[in-house]
Amino acid sequence: MNRNRPDLSSPEETKDMKRAFPLALLTLVVGLGFEPAAQAYLLLTVDLTNPGRLFAVTGKSAILTSDDGGKVWRPLAS
């Protein structure tokens, strides 16, 4: 196992991370589209203390949040 990178599929390691970083967020940058000209991306953050709570920043800098694992999204601030 690569100790530089957490194994989030491991319940034990995830539990250890929650203890060490109770307010930890996992952030991923996801590329969308296959053409370089598209320049589309999504910044997705998962609350490790509540994996159903997600935050997303779109390519247009809109900040969205979901409390149900991404089924319903709403603007973070109205």
N, C-alpha and C. Protein backbone atom coordinates (compact mmCIF):
# COMPACT_ATOMS: atom_id res chain seq x y z
N MET A 1 0.84 -1.19 0.00
CA MET A 1 0.00 0.00 0.00
C MET A 1 0.89 1.25 0.00
N ASN A 2 0.51 2.23 -0.75
CA ASN A 2 1.23 3.49 -0.83
C ASN A 2 0.82 4.36 0.35
N ARG A 3 1.72 4.59 1.29
CA ARG A 3 1.39 5.36 2.50
C ARG A 3 1.29 6.86 2.22
N ASN A 4 1.72 7.30 1.04
CA ASN A 4 1.58 8.72 0.71
C ASN A 4 0.16 9.06 0.31
N ARG A 5 -0.61 8.05 -0.01
CA ARG A 5 -1.97 8.26 -0.48
C ARG A 5 -2.92 7.40 0.33
N PRO A 6 -3.95 7.98 0.92
CA PRO A 6 -4.87 7.17 1.72
C PRO A 6 -5.67 6.21 0.85
N ASP A 7 -5.94 5.03 1.39
CA ASP A 7 -6.79 4.06 0.71
C ASP A 7 -8.20 4.25 1.22
N LEU A 8 -9.01 5.04 0.50
CA LEU A 8 -10.35 5.36 0.97
C LEU A 8 -11.32 4.20 0.84
N SER A 9 -10.87 3.12 0.19
CA SER A 9 -11.72 1.92 0.14
C SER A 9 -11.56 1.08 1.40
N SER A 10 -10.56 1.40 2.20
CA SER A 10 -10.31 0.66 3.44
C SER A 10 -11.07 1.31 4.59
N PRO A 11 -12.05 0.60 5.18
CA PRO A 11 -12.79 1.19 6.31
C PRO A 11 -11.89 1.56 7.48
N GLU A 12 -10.85 0.76 7.73
CA GLU A 12 -9.94 1.06 8.84
C GLU A 12 -9.19 2.36 8.60
N GLU A 13 -8.67 2.52 7.40
CA GLU A 13 -7.90 3.73 7.10
C GLU A 13 -8.81 4.95 7.08
N THR A 14 -10.01 4.82 6.56
CA THR A 14 -10.96 5.93 6.56
C THR A 14 -11.31 6.32 7.98
N LYS A 15 -11.50 5.34 8.85
CA LYS A 15 -11.81 5.61 10.25
C LYS A 15 -10.64 6.35 10.91
N ASP A 16 -9.40 5.90 10.62
CA ASP A 16 -8.22 6.57 11.16
C ASP A 16 -8.14 8.02 10.68
N MET A 17 -8.46 8.25 9.41
CA MET A 17 -8.42 9.62 8.88
C MET A 17 -9.46 10.50 9.56
N LYS A 18 -10.65 9.96 9.81
CA LYS A 18 -11.69 10.75 10.47
C LYS A 18 -11.27 11.13 11.87
N ARG A 19 -10.56 10.22 12.55
CA ARG A 19 -10.07 10.53 13.90
C ARG A 19 -8.98 11.60 13.84
N ALA A 20 -8.08 11.48 12.88
CA ALA A 20 -6.95 12.40 12.79
C ALA A 20 -7.37 13.77 12.26
N PHE A 21 -8.32 13.77 11.35
CA PHE A 21 -8.76 15.01 10.71
C PHE A 21 -10.27 15.10 10.79
N PRO A 22 -10.84 15.43 11.94
CA PRO A 22 -12.29 15.39 12.09
C PRO A 22 -13.04 16.33 11.15
N LEU A 23 -12.40 17.36 10.67
CA LEU A 23 -13.06 18.28 9.75
C LEU A 23 -12.50 18.13 8.34
N ALA A 24 -11.90 16.98 8.08
CA ALA A 24 -11.22 16.77 6.81
C ALA A 24 -12.17 16.76 5.64
N LEU A 25 -11.68 17.29 4.55
CA LEU A 25 -12.40 17.27 3.29
C LEU A 25 -11.48 16.65 2.25
N LEU A 26 -12.02 15.82 1.41
CA LEU A 26 -11.28 15.23 0.32
C LEU A 26 -11.68 15.97 -0.95
N THR A 27 -10.70 16.54 -1.65
CA THR A 27 -11.00 17.33 -2.84
C THR A 27 -10.42 16.65 -4.07
N LEU A 28 -11.23 16.53 -5.10
CA LEU A 28 -10.82 15.92 -6.37
C LEU A 28 -11.06 16.92 -7.49
N VAL A 29 -10.16 16.95 -8.45
CA VAL A 29 -10.38 17.75 -9.65
C VAL A 29 -10.70 16.76 -10.76
N VAL A 30 -11.86 16.91 -11.35
CA VAL A 30 -12.33 15.98 -12.37
C VAL A 30 -12.39 16.71 -13.70
N GLY A 31 -11.69 16.19 -14.69
CA GLY A 31 -11.74 16.77 -16.03
C GLY A 31 -12.97 16.26 -16.76
N LEU A 32 -13.66 17.12 -17.43
CA LEU A 32 -14.85 16.75 -18.19
C LEU A 32 -14.62 17.07 -19.65
N GLY A 33 -15.03 16.21 -20.52
CA GLY A 33 -14.86 16.44 -21.95
C GLY A 33 -13.55 15.85 -22.44
N PHE A 34 -13.48 15.60 -23.72
CA PHE A 34 -12.31 14.95 -24.28
C PHE A 34 -11.49 15.86 -25.18
N GLU A 35 -11.98 17.03 -25.45
CA GLU A 35 -11.26 17.95 -26.31
C GLU A 35 -10.53 18.98 -25.46
N PRO A 36 -9.25 19.23 -25.76
CA PRO A 36 -8.51 20.24 -24.98
C PRO A 36 -9.20 21.60 -24.99
N ALA A 37 -9.90 21.92 -26.07
CA ALA A 37 -10.56 23.23 -26.16
C ALA A 37 -11.71 23.34 -25.16
N ALA A 38 -12.24 22.20 -24.71
CA ALA A 38 -13.38 22.24 -23.79
C ALA A 38 -12.99 22.87 -22.46
N GLN A 39 -11.79 22.59 -21.97
CA GLN A 39 -11.31 23.17 -20.71
C GLN A 39 -12.35 23.06 -19.60
N ALA A 40 -13.13 22.00 -19.60
CA ALA A 40 -14.17 21.84 -18.58
C ALA A 40 -13.60 21.07 -17.40
N TYR A 41 -13.96 21.48 -16.21
CA TYR A 41 -13.51 20.78 -15.01
C TYR A 41 -14.55 20.93 -13.93
N LEU A 42 -14.40 20.09 -12.92
CA LEU A 42 -15.26 20.14 -11.75
C LEU A 42 -14.38 19.89 -10.55
N LEU A 43 -14.44 20.76 -9.58
CA LEU A 43 -13.73 20.57 -8.32
C LEU A 43 -14.75 19.99 -7.36
N LEU A 44 -14.53 18.76 -6.92
CA LEU A 44 -15.48 18.06 -6.07
C LEU A 44 -14.85 17.80 -4.72
N THR A 45 -15.53 18.19 -3.65
CA THR A 45 -15.03 17.99 -2.29
C THR A 45 -16.03 17.16 -1.51
N VAL A 46 -15.51 16.15 -0.82
CA VAL A 46 -16.32 15.26 0.00
C VAL A 46 -15.99 15.50 1.46
N ASP A 47 -17.00 15.68 2.28
CA ASP A 47 -16.82 15.82 3.73
C ASP A 47 -16.59 14.42 4.29
N LEU A 48 -15.37 14.13 4.75
CA LEU A 48 -15.05 12.79 5.24
C LEU A 48 -15.81 12.42 6.50
N THR A 49 -16.33 13.40 7.21
CA THR A 49 -17.12 13.08 8.40
C THR A 49 -18.57 12.80 8.05
N ASN A 50 -18.98 13.16 6.82
CA ASN A 50 -20.33 12.90 6.33
C ASN A 50 -20.23 12.72 4.82
N PRO A 51 -19.91 11.50 4.35
CA PRO A 51 -19.66 11.29 2.93
C PRO A 51 -20.82 11.65 2.00
N GLY A 52 -22.02 11.80 2.52
CA GLY A 52 -23.14 12.23 1.70
C GLY A 52 -23.12 13.72 1.41
N ARG A 53 -22.30 14.47 2.16
CA ARG A 53 -22.20 15.93 1.98
C ARG A 53 -21.10 16.22 0.99
N LEU A 54 -21.48 16.84 -0.11
CA LEU A 54 -20.55 17.15 -1.19
C LEU A 54 -20.58 18.64 -1.50
N PHE A 55 -19.47 19.14 -2.00
CA PHE A 55 -19.37 20.50 -2.48
C PHE A 55 -18.76 20.43 -3.88
N ALA A 56 -19.22 21.27 -4.78
CA ALA A 56 -18.68 21.28 -6.14
C ALA A 56 -18.49 22.72 -6.59
N VAL A 57 -17.40 22.95 -7.30
CA VAL A 57 -17.16 24.24 -7.94
C VAL A 57 -17.08 23.94 -9.43
N THR A 58 -17.93 24.58 -10.19
CA THR A 58 -17.98 24.34 -11.63
C THR A 58 -16.98 25.24 -12.35
N GLY A 59 -16.82 24.99 -13.63
CA GLY A 59 -15.92 25.80 -14.45
C GLY A 59 -16.31 27.26 -14.49
N LYS A 60 -17.58 27.56 -14.19
CA LYS A 60 -18.04 28.95 -14.16
C LYS A 60 -18.01 29.51 -12.74
N SER A 61 -17.31 28.82 -11.84
CA SER A 61 -17.13 29.25 -10.44
C SER A 61 -18.40 29.24 -9.62
N ALA A 62 -19.40 28.50 -10.04
CA ALA A 62 -20.59 28.33 -9.20
C ALA A 62 -20.26 27.33 -8.11
N ILE A 63 -20.66 27.62 -6.88
CA ILE A 63 -20.41 26.72 -5.76
C ILE A 63 -21.74 26.06 -5.40
N LEU A 64 -21.75 24.74 -5.48
CA LEU A 64 -22.96 23.97 -5.20
C LEU A 64 -22.70 23.03 -4.04
N THR A 65 -23.77 22.61 -3.36
CA THR A 65 -23.64 21.65 -2.27
C THR A 65 -24.76 20.62 -2.36
N SER A 66 -24.48 19.44 -1.84
CA SER A 66 -25.47 18.36 -1.80
C SER A 66 -25.34 17.65 -0.46
N ASP A 67 -26.45 17.31 0.14
CA ASP A 67 -26.44 16.56 1.40
C ASP A 67 -26.87 15.11 1.20
N ASP A 68 -27.13 14.71 -0.05
CA ASP A 68 -27.63 13.36 -0.31
C ASP A 68 -26.76 12.61 -1.32
N GLY A 69 -25.46 12.87 -1.28
CA GLY A 69 -24.54 12.15 -2.16
C GLY A 69 -24.59 12.58 -3.61
N GLY A 70 -25.17 13.73 -3.90
CA GLY A 70 -25.18 14.27 -5.25
C GLY A 70 -26.48 14.07 -6.01
N LYS A 71 -27.50 13.55 -5.34
CA LYS A 71 -28.80 13.39 -6.02
C LYS A 71 -29.44 14.75 -6.30
N VAL A 72 -29.36 15.65 -5.33
CA VAL A 72 -29.93 17.00 -5.46
C VAL A 72 -28.83 18.00 -5.12
N TRP A 73 -28.64 18.98 -5.99
CA TRP A 73 -27.64 20.03 -5.77
C TRP A 73 -28.36 21.36 -5.60
N ARG A 74 -27.77 22.24 -4.77
CA ARG A 74 -28.31 23.59 -4.59
C ARG A 74 -27.13 24.55 -4.43
N PRO A 75 -27.34 25.82 -4.75
CA PRO A 75 -26.27 26.80 -4.55
C PRO A 75 -25.89 26.87 -3.08
N LEU A 76 -24.60 27.02 -2.80
CA LEU A 76 -24.15 27.09 -1.41
C LEU A 76 -24.72 28.31 -0.72
N ALA A 77 -24.68 29.45 -1.39
CA ALA A 77 -25.24 30.68 -0.81
C ALA A 77 -26.27 31.24 -1.77
N SER A 78 -27.41 31.60 -1.24
CA SER A 78 -28.47 32.13 -2.11
C SER A 78 -28.37 33.63 -2.20
